[in-house]
N, C-alpha and C. Protein backbone atom coordinates (compact mmCIF):
# COMPACT_ATOMS: atom_id res chain seq x y z
N MET A 1 -47.51 -185.80 -44.25
CA MET A 1 -47.77 -185.75 -45.69
C MET A 1 -47.12 -184.48 -46.28
N ILE A 2 -46.42 -184.65 -47.40
CA ILE A 2 -45.71 -183.55 -48.05
C ILE A 2 -46.66 -182.81 -48.99
N ASP A 3 -46.76 -181.49 -48.83
CA ASP A 3 -47.62 -180.74 -49.75
C ASP A 3 -46.85 -180.40 -51.02
N ALA A 4 -47.55 -179.84 -52.00
CA ALA A 4 -46.95 -179.59 -53.32
C ALA A 4 -45.80 -178.59 -53.24
N THR A 5 -45.94 -177.57 -52.43
CA THR A 5 -44.88 -176.55 -52.33
C THR A 5 -43.60 -177.15 -51.77
N GLU A 6 -43.74 -177.96 -50.72
CA GLU A 6 -42.57 -178.59 -50.12
C GLU A 6 -41.90 -179.54 -51.11
N HIS A 7 -42.72 -180.25 -51.86
CA HIS A 7 -42.18 -181.17 -52.88
C HIS A 7 -41.37 -180.39 -53.93
N LEU A 8 -41.90 -179.27 -54.39
CA LEU A 8 -41.19 -178.46 -55.38
C LEU A 8 -39.89 -177.90 -54.83
N LEU A 9 -39.90 -177.52 -53.57
CA LEU A 9 -38.68 -177.00 -52.96
C LEU A 9 -37.61 -178.09 -52.87
N ARG A 10 -38.03 -179.30 -52.57
CA ARG A 10 -37.07 -180.41 -52.52
C ARG A 10 -36.49 -180.70 -53.90
N LEU A 11 -37.34 -180.60 -54.92
CA LEU A 11 -36.84 -180.80 -56.29
C LEU A 11 -35.84 -179.73 -56.67
N ALA A 12 -36.11 -178.49 -56.25
CA ALA A 12 -35.19 -177.39 -56.56
C ALA A 12 -33.83 -177.59 -55.90
N ASP A 13 -33.82 -178.22 -54.72
CA ASP A 13 -32.55 -178.48 -54.03
C ASP A 13 -31.76 -179.60 -54.69
N ASP A 14 -32.44 -180.45 -55.41
CA ASP A 14 -31.77 -181.59 -56.06
C ASP A 14 -32.20 -181.64 -57.52
N TRP A 15 -31.80 -180.63 -58.28
CA TRP A 15 -32.30 -180.41 -59.64
C TRP A 15 -31.61 -181.37 -60.62
N ARG A 16 -32.36 -182.42 -61.02
CA ARG A 16 -31.81 -183.39 -61.96
C ARG A 16 -32.86 -183.72 -63.03
N PRO A 17 -32.98 -182.87 -64.05
CA PRO A 17 -33.96 -183.15 -65.11
C PRO A 17 -33.67 -184.48 -65.79
N ARG A 18 -34.72 -185.11 -66.25
CA ARG A 18 -34.63 -186.39 -66.93
C ARG A 18 -35.20 -186.25 -68.33
N ALA A 19 -34.45 -186.69 -69.33
CA ALA A 19 -34.93 -186.64 -70.71
C ALA A 19 -35.75 -187.88 -71.02
N ILE A 20 -36.96 -187.68 -71.54
CA ILE A 20 -37.83 -188.81 -71.88
C ILE A 20 -38.18 -188.76 -73.36
N ASP A 21 -38.58 -189.92 -73.88
CA ASP A 21 -39.06 -190.01 -75.26
C ASP A 21 -40.48 -189.48 -75.36
N LEU A 22 -40.83 -189.00 -76.53
CA LEU A 22 -42.21 -188.68 -76.86
C LEU A 22 -42.63 -189.50 -78.08
N GLY A 23 -43.89 -189.86 -78.12
CA GLY A 23 -44.44 -190.45 -79.32
C GLY A 23 -44.91 -189.36 -80.26
N ARG A 24 -45.03 -189.70 -81.53
CA ARG A 24 -45.57 -188.75 -82.51
C ARG A 24 -46.63 -189.43 -83.35
N ALA A 25 -47.76 -188.76 -83.49
CA ALA A 25 -48.82 -189.19 -84.39
C ALA A 25 -48.91 -188.14 -85.48
N GLY A 26 -48.27 -188.41 -86.61
CA GLY A 26 -48.12 -187.37 -87.61
C GLY A 26 -47.21 -186.29 -87.06
N GLU A 27 -47.72 -185.06 -87.00
CA GLU A 27 -46.95 -183.94 -86.45
C GLU A 27 -47.28 -183.66 -84.98
N ARG A 28 -48.18 -184.45 -84.40
CA ARG A 28 -48.61 -184.21 -83.02
C ARG A 28 -47.84 -185.11 -82.05
N TYR A 29 -47.23 -184.51 -81.04
CA TYR A 29 -46.51 -185.26 -80.04
C TYR A 29 -47.47 -185.78 -78.97
N PHE A 30 -47.12 -186.91 -78.35
CA PHE A 30 -47.86 -187.39 -77.19
C PHE A 30 -46.89 -188.04 -76.21
N THR A 31 -47.29 -188.03 -74.95
CA THR A 31 -46.42 -188.57 -73.91
C THR A 31 -46.67 -190.04 -73.65
N PHE A 32 -47.94 -190.41 -73.48
CA PHE A 32 -48.25 -191.76 -73.03
C PHE A 32 -48.89 -192.64 -74.09
N ALA A 33 -50.00 -192.20 -74.67
CA ALA A 33 -50.73 -193.11 -75.55
C ALA A 33 -51.55 -192.35 -76.58
N ALA A 34 -51.81 -193.04 -77.67
CA ALA A 34 -52.68 -192.52 -78.73
C ALA A 34 -53.59 -193.65 -79.19
N GLY A 35 -54.69 -193.29 -79.81
CA GLY A 35 -55.62 -194.30 -80.29
C GLY A 35 -56.27 -193.90 -81.59
N VAL A 36 -56.53 -194.90 -82.41
CA VAL A 36 -57.22 -194.70 -83.67
C VAL A 36 -58.41 -195.66 -83.69
N GLY A 37 -59.61 -195.13 -83.87
CA GLY A 37 -60.79 -195.99 -83.89
C GLY A 37 -61.68 -195.76 -82.69
N LEU A 38 -62.09 -196.85 -82.03
CA LEU A 38 -63.11 -196.78 -80.99
C LEU A 38 -62.74 -195.85 -79.85
N ASP A 39 -61.52 -195.97 -79.31
CA ASP A 39 -61.21 -195.14 -78.15
C ASP A 39 -61.18 -193.66 -78.52
N ALA A 40 -60.77 -193.34 -79.74
CA ALA A 40 -60.80 -191.95 -80.20
C ALA A 40 -62.24 -191.46 -80.36
N SER A 41 -63.11 -192.31 -80.85
CA SER A 41 -64.53 -191.94 -80.97
C SER A 41 -65.13 -191.67 -79.59
N VAL A 42 -64.74 -192.47 -78.61
CA VAL A 42 -65.21 -192.28 -77.23
C VAL A 42 -64.71 -190.95 -76.68
N VAL A 43 -63.43 -190.66 -76.87
CA VAL A 43 -62.85 -189.41 -76.38
C VAL A 43 -63.55 -188.21 -77.01
N GLU A 44 -63.89 -188.30 -78.30
CA GLU A 44 -64.60 -187.20 -78.96
C GLU A 44 -65.91 -186.89 -78.25
N VAL A 45 -66.68 -187.92 -77.92
CA VAL A 45 -67.96 -187.72 -77.26
C VAL A 45 -67.76 -187.18 -75.84
N VAL A 46 -66.84 -187.78 -75.11
CA VAL A 46 -66.60 -187.37 -73.72
C VAL A 46 -66.12 -185.92 -73.66
N ASP A 47 -65.21 -185.54 -74.56
CA ASP A 47 -64.70 -184.17 -74.56
C ASP A 47 -65.79 -183.14 -74.87
N ALA A 48 -66.83 -183.58 -75.57
CA ALA A 48 -67.92 -182.66 -75.89
C ALA A 48 -68.84 -182.41 -74.69
N HIS A 49 -68.66 -183.16 -73.61
CA HIS A 49 -69.50 -183.01 -72.41
C HIS A 49 -68.60 -182.93 -71.17
N PRO A 50 -67.85 -181.84 -71.02
CA PRO A 50 -66.87 -181.75 -69.93
C PRO A 50 -67.47 -181.81 -68.54
N ARG A 51 -68.70 -181.35 -68.36
CA ARG A 51 -69.29 -181.37 -67.03
C ARG A 51 -69.60 -182.81 -66.59
N LEU A 52 -70.12 -183.61 -67.53
CA LEU A 52 -70.37 -185.02 -67.20
C LEU A 52 -69.06 -185.77 -67.00
N LYS A 53 -68.05 -185.43 -67.80
CA LYS A 53 -66.73 -186.03 -67.66
C LYS A 53 -66.17 -185.76 -66.26
N ALA A 54 -66.27 -184.51 -65.81
CA ALA A 54 -65.75 -184.14 -64.50
C ALA A 54 -66.55 -184.77 -63.36
N LYS A 55 -67.86 -184.87 -63.54
CA LYS A 55 -68.71 -185.36 -62.47
C LYS A 55 -68.68 -186.88 -62.34
N LEU A 56 -68.70 -187.57 -63.47
CA LEU A 56 -68.84 -189.03 -63.44
C LEU A 56 -67.55 -189.79 -63.73
N GLY A 57 -66.55 -189.10 -64.28
CA GLY A 57 -65.24 -189.70 -64.48
C GLY A 57 -65.26 -190.96 -65.31
N GLU A 58 -64.61 -192.01 -64.80
CA GLU A 58 -64.45 -193.26 -65.55
C GLU A 58 -65.78 -193.94 -65.85
N TYR A 59 -66.81 -193.68 -65.04
CA TYR A 59 -68.12 -194.30 -65.29
C TYR A 59 -68.78 -193.68 -66.52
N TYR A 60 -68.53 -192.40 -66.74
CA TYR A 60 -69.04 -191.77 -67.96
C TYR A 60 -68.32 -192.32 -69.18
N TYR A 61 -67.02 -192.51 -69.06
CA TYR A 61 -66.27 -193.13 -70.15
C TYR A 61 -66.83 -194.51 -70.47
N SER A 62 -67.14 -195.29 -69.46
CA SER A 62 -67.67 -196.65 -69.67
C SER A 62 -69.01 -196.60 -70.39
N TRP A 63 -69.88 -195.69 -69.95
CA TRP A 63 -71.21 -195.57 -70.57
C TRP A 63 -71.08 -195.14 -72.03
N VAL A 64 -70.21 -194.16 -72.29
CA VAL A 64 -70.01 -193.68 -73.67
C VAL A 64 -69.38 -194.77 -74.53
N THR A 65 -68.45 -195.53 -73.96
CA THR A 65 -67.82 -196.62 -74.72
C THR A 65 -68.85 -197.64 -75.16
N ALA A 66 -69.72 -198.05 -74.26
CA ALA A 66 -70.75 -199.04 -74.61
C ALA A 66 -71.68 -198.50 -75.68
N GLY A 67 -72.09 -197.25 -75.54
CA GLY A 67 -73.00 -196.66 -76.53
C GLY A 67 -72.34 -196.47 -77.89
N THR A 68 -71.10 -195.99 -77.90
CA THR A 68 -70.39 -195.77 -79.16
C THR A 68 -70.12 -197.08 -79.87
N PHE A 69 -69.73 -198.09 -79.11
CA PHE A 69 -69.50 -199.42 -79.68
C PHE A 69 -70.76 -199.96 -80.34
N THR A 70 -71.89 -199.84 -79.66
CA THR A 70 -73.16 -200.36 -80.19
C THR A 70 -73.61 -199.60 -81.42
N ARG A 71 -73.51 -198.26 -81.40
CA ARG A 71 -74.00 -197.45 -82.50
C ARG A 71 -73.09 -197.46 -83.73
N SER A 72 -71.78 -197.37 -83.49
CA SER A 72 -70.88 -197.07 -84.61
C SER A 72 -69.89 -198.18 -84.97
N TYR A 73 -69.75 -199.19 -84.10
CA TYR A 73 -68.72 -200.19 -84.36
C TYR A 73 -69.25 -201.62 -84.45
N LEU A 74 -70.45 -201.84 -84.01
CA LEU A 74 -70.97 -203.20 -83.98
C LEU A 74 -71.34 -203.71 -85.36
N LEU A 75 -71.95 -202.85 -86.20
CA LEU A 75 -72.43 -203.31 -87.51
C LEU A 75 -71.48 -202.95 -88.65
N HIS A 76 -71.17 -201.69 -88.82
CA HIS A 76 -70.30 -201.29 -89.94
C HIS A 76 -69.18 -200.38 -89.42
N PRO A 77 -68.25 -200.97 -88.66
CA PRO A 77 -67.19 -200.14 -88.09
C PRO A 77 -66.22 -199.65 -89.15
N PRO A 78 -65.58 -198.52 -88.91
CA PRO A 78 -64.50 -198.10 -89.81
C PRO A 78 -63.43 -199.20 -89.84
N ARG A 79 -62.94 -199.49 -91.01
CA ARG A 79 -61.91 -200.53 -91.14
C ARG A 79 -60.55 -199.87 -91.30
N LEU A 80 -59.59 -200.40 -90.58
CA LEU A 80 -58.24 -199.84 -90.67
C LEU A 80 -57.22 -200.96 -90.84
N GLU A 81 -56.03 -200.55 -91.22
CA GLU A 81 -54.91 -201.47 -91.37
C GLU A 81 -53.71 -200.87 -90.64
N VAL A 82 -53.04 -201.70 -89.87
CA VAL A 82 -51.84 -201.28 -89.16
C VAL A 82 -50.65 -201.98 -89.81
N GLU A 83 -49.74 -201.19 -90.35
CA GLU A 83 -48.51 -201.73 -90.91
C GLU A 83 -47.42 -201.59 -89.86
N VAL A 84 -47.01 -202.72 -89.30
CA VAL A 84 -46.06 -202.69 -88.20
C VAL A 84 -45.09 -203.85 -88.32
N ASP A 85 -43.80 -203.54 -88.21
CA ASP A 85 -42.76 -204.56 -88.19
C ASP A 85 -42.83 -205.47 -89.43
N GLY A 86 -43.14 -204.87 -90.58
CA GLY A 86 -43.18 -205.61 -91.82
C GLY A 86 -44.44 -206.41 -92.06
N GLU A 87 -45.44 -206.26 -91.19
CA GLU A 87 -46.69 -207.01 -91.30
C GLU A 87 -47.86 -206.04 -91.33
N CYS A 88 -48.92 -206.39 -92.07
CA CYS A 88 -50.14 -205.58 -92.10
C CYS A 88 -51.25 -206.33 -91.37
N VAL A 89 -51.85 -205.66 -90.40
CA VAL A 89 -52.91 -206.25 -89.59
C VAL A 89 -54.17 -205.44 -89.77
N ALA A 90 -55.25 -206.06 -90.23
CA ALA A 90 -56.53 -205.37 -90.40
C ALA A 90 -57.31 -205.40 -89.10
N GLY A 91 -58.04 -204.32 -88.83
CA GLY A 91 -58.83 -204.27 -87.61
C GLY A 91 -59.78 -203.11 -87.59
N VAL A 92 -60.30 -202.80 -86.39
CA VAL A 92 -61.25 -201.71 -86.21
C VAL A 92 -60.74 -200.64 -85.24
N THR A 93 -59.73 -200.99 -84.46
CA THR A 93 -59.18 -200.07 -83.48
C THR A 93 -57.70 -200.39 -83.25
N ALA A 94 -56.91 -199.33 -83.09
CA ALA A 94 -55.50 -199.51 -82.75
C ALA A 94 -55.14 -198.59 -81.59
N VAL A 95 -54.40 -199.13 -80.64
CA VAL A 95 -53.87 -198.36 -79.52
C VAL A 95 -52.36 -198.37 -79.62
N VAL A 96 -51.74 -197.20 -79.51
CA VAL A 96 -50.29 -197.05 -79.61
C VAL A 96 -49.78 -196.40 -78.33
N GLN A 97 -48.79 -197.02 -77.70
CA GLN A 97 -48.31 -196.52 -76.42
C GLN A 97 -46.82 -196.21 -76.44
N ASN A 98 -46.50 -195.10 -75.79
CA ASN A 98 -45.12 -194.71 -75.56
C ASN A 98 -44.70 -195.04 -74.13
N ALA A 99 -45.65 -195.50 -73.33
CA ALA A 99 -45.42 -195.86 -71.93
C ALA A 99 -46.57 -196.73 -71.46
N THR A 100 -46.41 -197.35 -70.31
CA THR A 100 -47.49 -198.12 -69.71
C THR A 100 -47.76 -197.57 -68.31
N PRO A 101 -49.00 -197.70 -67.81
CA PRO A 101 -50.15 -198.30 -68.45
C PRO A 101 -50.77 -197.38 -69.50
N TYR A 102 -51.81 -197.88 -70.17
CA TYR A 102 -52.49 -197.09 -71.18
C TYR A 102 -53.23 -195.92 -70.53
N THR A 103 -53.99 -196.20 -69.50
CA THR A 103 -54.71 -195.18 -68.73
C THR A 103 -55.12 -195.81 -67.41
N TYR A 104 -55.99 -195.13 -66.68
CA TYR A 104 -56.46 -195.64 -65.39
C TYR A 104 -57.98 -195.65 -65.35
N PHE A 105 -58.53 -196.66 -64.68
CA PHE A 105 -59.95 -196.69 -64.34
C PHE A 105 -60.01 -196.39 -62.85
N GLY A 106 -60.24 -195.11 -62.51
CA GLY A 106 -60.04 -194.70 -61.13
C GLY A 106 -58.55 -194.78 -60.82
N GLU A 107 -58.21 -195.56 -59.81
CA GLU A 107 -56.80 -195.77 -59.47
C GLU A 107 -56.25 -197.07 -60.03
N HIS A 108 -57.07 -197.78 -60.79
CA HIS A 108 -56.66 -199.09 -61.32
C HIS A 108 -56.07 -198.92 -62.72
N PRO A 109 -54.83 -199.35 -62.95
CA PRO A 109 -54.23 -199.21 -64.29
C PRO A 109 -54.88 -200.11 -65.32
N LEU A 110 -55.08 -199.59 -66.53
CA LEU A 110 -55.56 -200.39 -67.65
C LEU A 110 -54.36 -200.73 -68.54
N GLN A 111 -54.13 -202.03 -68.74
CA GLN A 111 -52.99 -202.48 -69.52
C GLN A 111 -53.44 -202.95 -70.90
N PHE A 112 -52.87 -202.37 -71.94
CA PHE A 112 -53.11 -202.84 -73.30
C PHE A 112 -51.78 -203.29 -73.90
N GLY A 113 -51.04 -202.37 -74.50
CA GLY A 113 -49.72 -202.72 -75.01
C GLY A 113 -48.73 -202.86 -73.87
N GLU A 114 -47.71 -203.69 -74.08
CA GLU A 114 -46.72 -203.95 -73.05
C GLU A 114 -45.31 -203.77 -73.59
N GLY A 115 -44.44 -203.20 -72.77
CA GLY A 115 -43.04 -203.14 -73.14
C GLY A 115 -42.48 -201.75 -73.33
N ALA A 116 -43.29 -200.80 -73.77
CA ALA A 116 -42.78 -199.45 -74.01
C ALA A 116 -42.65 -198.69 -72.69
N SER A 117 -41.64 -197.85 -72.61
CA SER A 117 -41.47 -196.97 -71.46
C SER A 117 -41.00 -195.62 -71.97
N LEU A 118 -40.94 -194.65 -71.07
CA LEU A 118 -40.61 -193.29 -71.47
C LEU A 118 -39.17 -193.12 -71.93
N ASP A 119 -38.36 -194.16 -71.75
CA ASP A 119 -36.99 -194.08 -72.24
C ASP A 119 -36.56 -195.33 -73.01
N SER A 120 -37.53 -196.08 -73.53
CA SER A 120 -37.21 -197.32 -74.24
C SER A 120 -36.88 -197.10 -75.72
N GLY A 121 -37.28 -195.94 -76.27
CA GLY A 121 -36.99 -195.66 -77.67
C GLY A 121 -37.87 -196.41 -78.65
N ASP A 122 -38.98 -196.98 -78.17
CA ASP A 122 -39.86 -197.72 -79.08
C ASP A 122 -41.31 -197.61 -78.61
N LEU A 123 -42.20 -198.17 -79.40
CA LEU A 123 -43.63 -198.12 -79.15
C LEU A 123 -44.18 -199.53 -78.96
N ALA A 124 -45.32 -199.61 -78.29
CA ALA A 124 -46.04 -200.86 -78.12
C ALA A 124 -47.52 -200.58 -78.32
N GLY A 125 -48.32 -201.63 -78.42
CA GLY A 125 -49.75 -201.42 -78.55
C GLY A 125 -50.47 -202.68 -78.96
N VAL A 126 -51.72 -202.48 -79.37
CA VAL A 126 -52.56 -203.60 -79.79
C VAL A 126 -53.46 -203.15 -80.94
N VAL A 127 -53.89 -204.14 -81.71
CA VAL A 127 -54.89 -203.93 -82.75
C VAL A 127 -56.07 -204.84 -82.45
N LEU A 128 -57.27 -204.27 -82.35
CA LEU A 128 -58.48 -205.08 -82.21
C LEU A 128 -58.97 -205.41 -83.61
N ARG A 129 -59.01 -206.70 -83.92
CA ARG A 129 -59.29 -207.14 -85.29
C ARG A 129 -60.75 -206.95 -85.71
N ARG A 130 -61.69 -207.11 -84.79
CA ARG A 130 -63.10 -207.05 -85.15
C ARG A 130 -63.89 -206.45 -84.00
N ALA A 131 -65.19 -206.22 -84.23
CA ALA A 131 -66.06 -205.63 -83.21
C ALA A 131 -67.36 -206.43 -83.13
N ARG A 132 -67.33 -207.50 -82.35
CA ARG A 132 -68.53 -208.30 -82.10
C ARG A 132 -68.97 -208.11 -80.65
N PRO A 133 -70.25 -208.45 -80.33
CA PRO A 133 -70.74 -208.20 -78.98
C PRO A 133 -69.89 -208.82 -77.87
N THR A 134 -69.24 -209.95 -78.16
CA THR A 134 -68.44 -210.60 -77.12
C THR A 134 -67.05 -210.00 -76.98
N ASP A 135 -66.61 -209.22 -77.96
CA ASP A 135 -65.22 -208.75 -77.97
C ASP A 135 -64.95 -207.65 -76.95
N LEU A 136 -65.80 -206.62 -76.92
CA LEU A 136 -65.54 -205.48 -76.03
C LEU A 136 -65.52 -205.88 -74.56
N PRO A 137 -66.52 -206.64 -74.06
CA PRO A 137 -66.48 -207.01 -72.63
C PRO A 137 -65.27 -207.86 -72.28
N THR A 138 -64.88 -208.77 -73.14
CA THR A 138 -63.76 -209.66 -72.80
C THR A 138 -62.42 -208.93 -72.89
N VAL A 139 -62.30 -207.99 -73.83
CA VAL A 139 -61.07 -207.18 -73.88
C VAL A 139 -61.00 -206.27 -72.66
N ALA A 140 -62.13 -205.64 -72.30
CA ALA A 140 -62.15 -204.76 -71.12
C ALA A 140 -61.81 -205.53 -69.85
N TRP A 141 -62.33 -206.74 -69.71
CA TRP A 141 -62.02 -207.55 -68.53
C TRP A 141 -60.53 -207.85 -68.45
N ARG A 142 -59.93 -208.18 -69.59
CA ARG A 142 -58.49 -208.44 -69.60
C ARG A 142 -57.69 -207.19 -69.26
N ALA A 143 -58.15 -206.04 -69.75
CA ALA A 143 -57.43 -204.80 -69.47
C ALA A 143 -57.42 -204.48 -67.98
N LEU A 144 -58.47 -204.87 -67.28
CA LEU A 144 -58.58 -204.60 -65.85
C LEU A 144 -57.95 -205.69 -64.99
N SER A 145 -57.76 -206.87 -65.56
CA SER A 145 -57.28 -208.01 -64.78
C SER A 145 -55.79 -207.94 -64.50
N ARG A 146 -55.40 -208.48 -63.36
CA ARG A 146 -53.98 -208.60 -63.03
C ARG A 146 -53.45 -209.98 -63.44
N ARG A 147 -54.33 -210.87 -63.90
CA ARG A 147 -53.94 -212.26 -64.15
C ARG A 147 -53.82 -212.61 -65.63
N VAL A 148 -54.53 -211.91 -66.50
CA VAL A 148 -54.50 -212.23 -67.92
C VAL A 148 -54.14 -210.99 -68.73
N ARG A 149 -53.68 -211.21 -69.96
CA ARG A 149 -53.18 -210.12 -70.78
C ARG A 149 -54.13 -209.84 -71.93
N VAL A 150 -54.29 -208.57 -72.28
CA VAL A 150 -55.09 -208.20 -73.45
C VAL A 150 -54.52 -208.83 -74.71
N GLY A 151 -53.19 -208.86 -74.80
CA GLY A 151 -52.55 -209.40 -76.00
C GLY A 151 -52.80 -210.86 -76.25
N ASP A 152 -53.30 -211.59 -75.24
CA ASP A 152 -53.62 -213.01 -75.42
C ASP A 152 -55.05 -213.25 -75.89
N HIS A 153 -55.83 -212.18 -76.01
CA HIS A 153 -57.20 -212.30 -76.52
C HIS A 153 -57.16 -212.75 -77.98
N GLY A 154 -58.07 -213.60 -78.37
CA GLY A 154 -58.06 -214.17 -79.71
C GLY A 154 -58.25 -213.17 -80.83
N GLN A 155 -58.86 -212.02 -80.54
CA GLN A 155 -59.10 -211.01 -81.58
C GLN A 155 -58.20 -209.79 -81.42
N VAL A 156 -57.15 -209.93 -80.65
CA VAL A 156 -56.20 -208.83 -80.43
C VAL A 156 -54.84 -209.22 -80.95
N GLN A 157 -54.23 -208.33 -81.73
CA GLN A 157 -52.86 -208.51 -82.20
C GLN A 157 -51.95 -207.53 -81.45
N PRO A 158 -51.10 -208.01 -80.56
CA PRO A 158 -50.20 -207.10 -79.85
C PRO A 158 -48.94 -206.83 -80.67
N PHE A 159 -48.29 -205.72 -80.37
CA PHE A 159 -46.97 -205.44 -80.94
C PHE A 159 -46.16 -204.68 -79.91
N SER A 160 -44.85 -204.80 -79.99
CA SER A 160 -43.98 -204.08 -79.05
C SER A 160 -42.59 -203.96 -79.67
N GLY A 161 -41.80 -203.06 -79.10
CA GLY A 161 -40.43 -202.90 -79.53
C GLY A 161 -40.27 -202.37 -80.94
N VAL A 162 -41.24 -201.58 -81.41
CA VAL A 162 -41.17 -201.06 -82.78
C VAL A 162 -40.90 -199.55 -82.75
N PRO A 163 -40.03 -199.06 -83.63
CA PRO A 163 -39.75 -197.62 -83.67
C PRO A 163 -40.80 -196.82 -84.43
N SER A 164 -41.59 -197.49 -85.26
CA SER A 164 -42.58 -196.77 -86.06
C SER A 164 -43.64 -197.74 -86.56
N LEU A 165 -44.78 -197.18 -86.95
CA LEU A 165 -45.86 -197.93 -87.58
C LEU A 165 -46.77 -196.96 -88.29
N VAL A 166 -47.61 -197.50 -89.18
CA VAL A 166 -48.55 -196.67 -89.93
C VAL A 166 -49.94 -197.26 -89.78
N VAL A 167 -50.92 -196.40 -89.53
CA VAL A 167 -52.32 -196.81 -89.49
C VAL A 167 -53.04 -196.10 -90.62
N ARG A 168 -53.75 -196.86 -91.45
CA ARG A 168 -54.46 -196.25 -92.58
C ARG A 168 -55.87 -196.82 -92.72
N SER A 169 -56.75 -196.03 -93.30
CA SER A 169 -58.12 -196.47 -93.54
C SER A 169 -58.15 -197.49 -94.66
N LEU A 170 -59.02 -198.50 -94.51
CA LEU A 170 -59.20 -199.50 -95.55
C LEU A 170 -60.49 -199.30 -96.34
N ASP A 171 -61.34 -198.37 -95.90
CA ASP A 171 -62.63 -198.21 -96.57
C ASP A 171 -62.92 -196.76 -96.95
N GLU A 172 -61.89 -195.94 -97.01
CA GLU A 172 -61.98 -194.54 -97.43
C GLU A 172 -62.68 -193.65 -96.43
N ARG A 173 -63.07 -194.19 -95.28
CA ARG A 173 -63.62 -193.35 -94.23
C ARG A 173 -62.48 -192.81 -93.38
N PRO A 174 -62.45 -191.51 -93.08
CA PRO A 174 -61.40 -190.99 -92.21
C PRO A 174 -61.50 -191.59 -90.82
N LEU A 175 -60.36 -191.82 -90.21
CA LEU A 175 -60.29 -192.48 -88.92
C LEU A 175 -60.17 -191.46 -87.78
N PRO A 176 -60.95 -191.62 -86.71
CA PRO A 176 -60.82 -190.73 -85.56
C PRO A 176 -59.50 -190.99 -84.84
N LEU A 177 -58.91 -189.92 -84.29
CA LEU A 177 -57.60 -190.00 -83.66
C LEU A 177 -57.59 -189.23 -82.35
N GLN A 178 -57.00 -189.83 -81.30
CA GLN A 178 -56.80 -189.12 -80.04
C GLN A 178 -55.36 -189.33 -79.59
N VAL A 179 -54.82 -188.33 -78.88
CA VAL A 179 -53.50 -188.45 -78.28
C VAL A 179 -53.59 -187.97 -76.84
N ASP A 180 -53.09 -188.80 -75.93
CA ASP A 180 -53.10 -188.47 -74.49
C ASP A 180 -54.47 -188.00 -74.02
N GLY A 181 -55.52 -188.61 -74.55
CA GLY A 181 -56.87 -188.28 -74.10
C GLY A 181 -57.49 -187.06 -74.72
N ASP A 182 -56.86 -186.49 -75.75
CA ASP A 182 -57.41 -185.34 -76.47
C ASP A 182 -57.78 -185.76 -77.88
N TYR A 183 -59.04 -185.57 -78.24
CA TYR A 183 -59.48 -185.85 -79.61
C TYR A 183 -58.93 -184.77 -80.54
N ILE A 184 -58.23 -185.18 -81.61
CA ILE A 184 -57.61 -184.18 -82.49
C ILE A 184 -58.11 -184.26 -83.93
N GLY A 185 -59.21 -184.99 -84.18
CA GLY A 185 -59.78 -185.00 -85.51
C GLY A 185 -59.65 -186.35 -86.19
N THR A 186 -59.72 -186.33 -87.51
CA THR A 186 -59.68 -187.56 -88.30
C THR A 186 -58.56 -187.49 -89.33
N ALA A 187 -58.18 -188.67 -89.80
CA ALA A 187 -57.15 -188.75 -90.83
C ALA A 187 -57.31 -190.05 -91.59
N ALA A 188 -56.95 -190.04 -92.86
CA ALA A 188 -56.99 -191.26 -93.66
C ALA A 188 -55.80 -192.15 -93.36
N GLU A 189 -54.70 -191.55 -92.92
CA GLU A 189 -53.49 -192.29 -92.60
C GLU A 189 -52.70 -191.54 -91.54
N VAL A 190 -52.15 -192.27 -90.59
CA VAL A 190 -51.35 -191.68 -89.53
C VAL A 190 -50.07 -192.48 -89.35
N ALA A 191 -48.93 -191.79 -89.38
CA ALA A 191 -47.65 -192.43 -89.12
C ALA A 191 -47.26 -192.16 -87.67
N PHE A 192 -46.92 -193.22 -86.94
CA PHE A 192 -46.49 -193.11 -85.56
C PHE A 192 -44.99 -193.36 -85.47
N THR A 193 -44.29 -192.48 -84.77
CA THR A 193 -42.85 -192.60 -84.60
C THR A 193 -42.48 -192.22 -83.17
N VAL A 194 -41.19 -192.36 -82.84
CA VAL A 194 -40.68 -191.98 -81.53
C VAL A 194 -39.71 -190.82 -81.69
N ALA A 195 -39.82 -189.83 -80.83
CA ALA A 195 -38.86 -188.74 -80.76
C ALA A 195 -38.01 -188.96 -79.51
N PRO A 196 -36.81 -189.55 -79.66
CA PRO A 196 -36.02 -189.92 -78.49
C PRO A 196 -35.58 -188.70 -77.68
N ARG A 197 -35.72 -188.81 -76.36
CA ARG A 197 -35.23 -187.79 -75.42
C ARG A 197 -35.67 -186.38 -75.82
N ALA A 198 -36.92 -186.28 -76.22
CA ALA A 198 -37.42 -185.00 -76.77
C ALA A 198 -37.91 -184.04 -75.71
N LEU A 199 -38.10 -184.51 -74.48
CA LEU A 199 -38.65 -183.66 -73.44
C LEU A 199 -37.90 -183.90 -72.14
N GLU A 200 -37.53 -182.80 -71.46
CA GLU A 200 -36.92 -182.92 -70.14
C GLU A 200 -37.97 -182.68 -69.07
N VAL A 201 -37.98 -183.58 -68.09
CA VAL A 201 -38.96 -183.48 -67.00
C VAL A 201 -38.22 -183.56 -65.68
N VAL A 202 -38.90 -183.07 -64.65
CA VAL A 202 -38.38 -183.18 -63.29
C VAL A 202 -39.40 -183.95 -62.47
N ALA A 203 -38.98 -185.01 -61.82
CA ALA A 203 -39.92 -185.84 -61.06
C ALA A 203 -39.38 -186.13 -59.67
């Protein structure tokens, strides 16, 4: 097994940086994914309890997701609109990805949007149209499944291959926003774009 020091020394012997795209949510850059709505609300709660996050990991995320969905999204969720590829889609949550997968549940990848990669020059994602008791479990099951796609869910609108999109509030409530798992506050409107080859990495 190669340790970290040996790996770094091998990289130094064969130094070939790779330029990758970054996503942008307003003025904030992100590498992999951003979210507006439910997942951002979950990240806000989880980030406020770092010890539980470290101890319980993905199970704490699951518990917080169920509680946040029930308290804040089941009855009167924040309403948003995603303007993408010339179409406006109303919903309660939007996920925007600069790469896949969206995240991991332990070692298992969670798939939401499909098609974007770190050098594709575009974004992908999904919009959850509503928040009913049957929606969250069935979307979560699809995200974990290797056989079915989140984008085929009846209440999910997928998008891919887009250079930009805008998410805005439909009910004057500011929308929670997270990028790469960091809660960064709320906004009435967020423009998402791609910054091509904005970061050099060594892998």
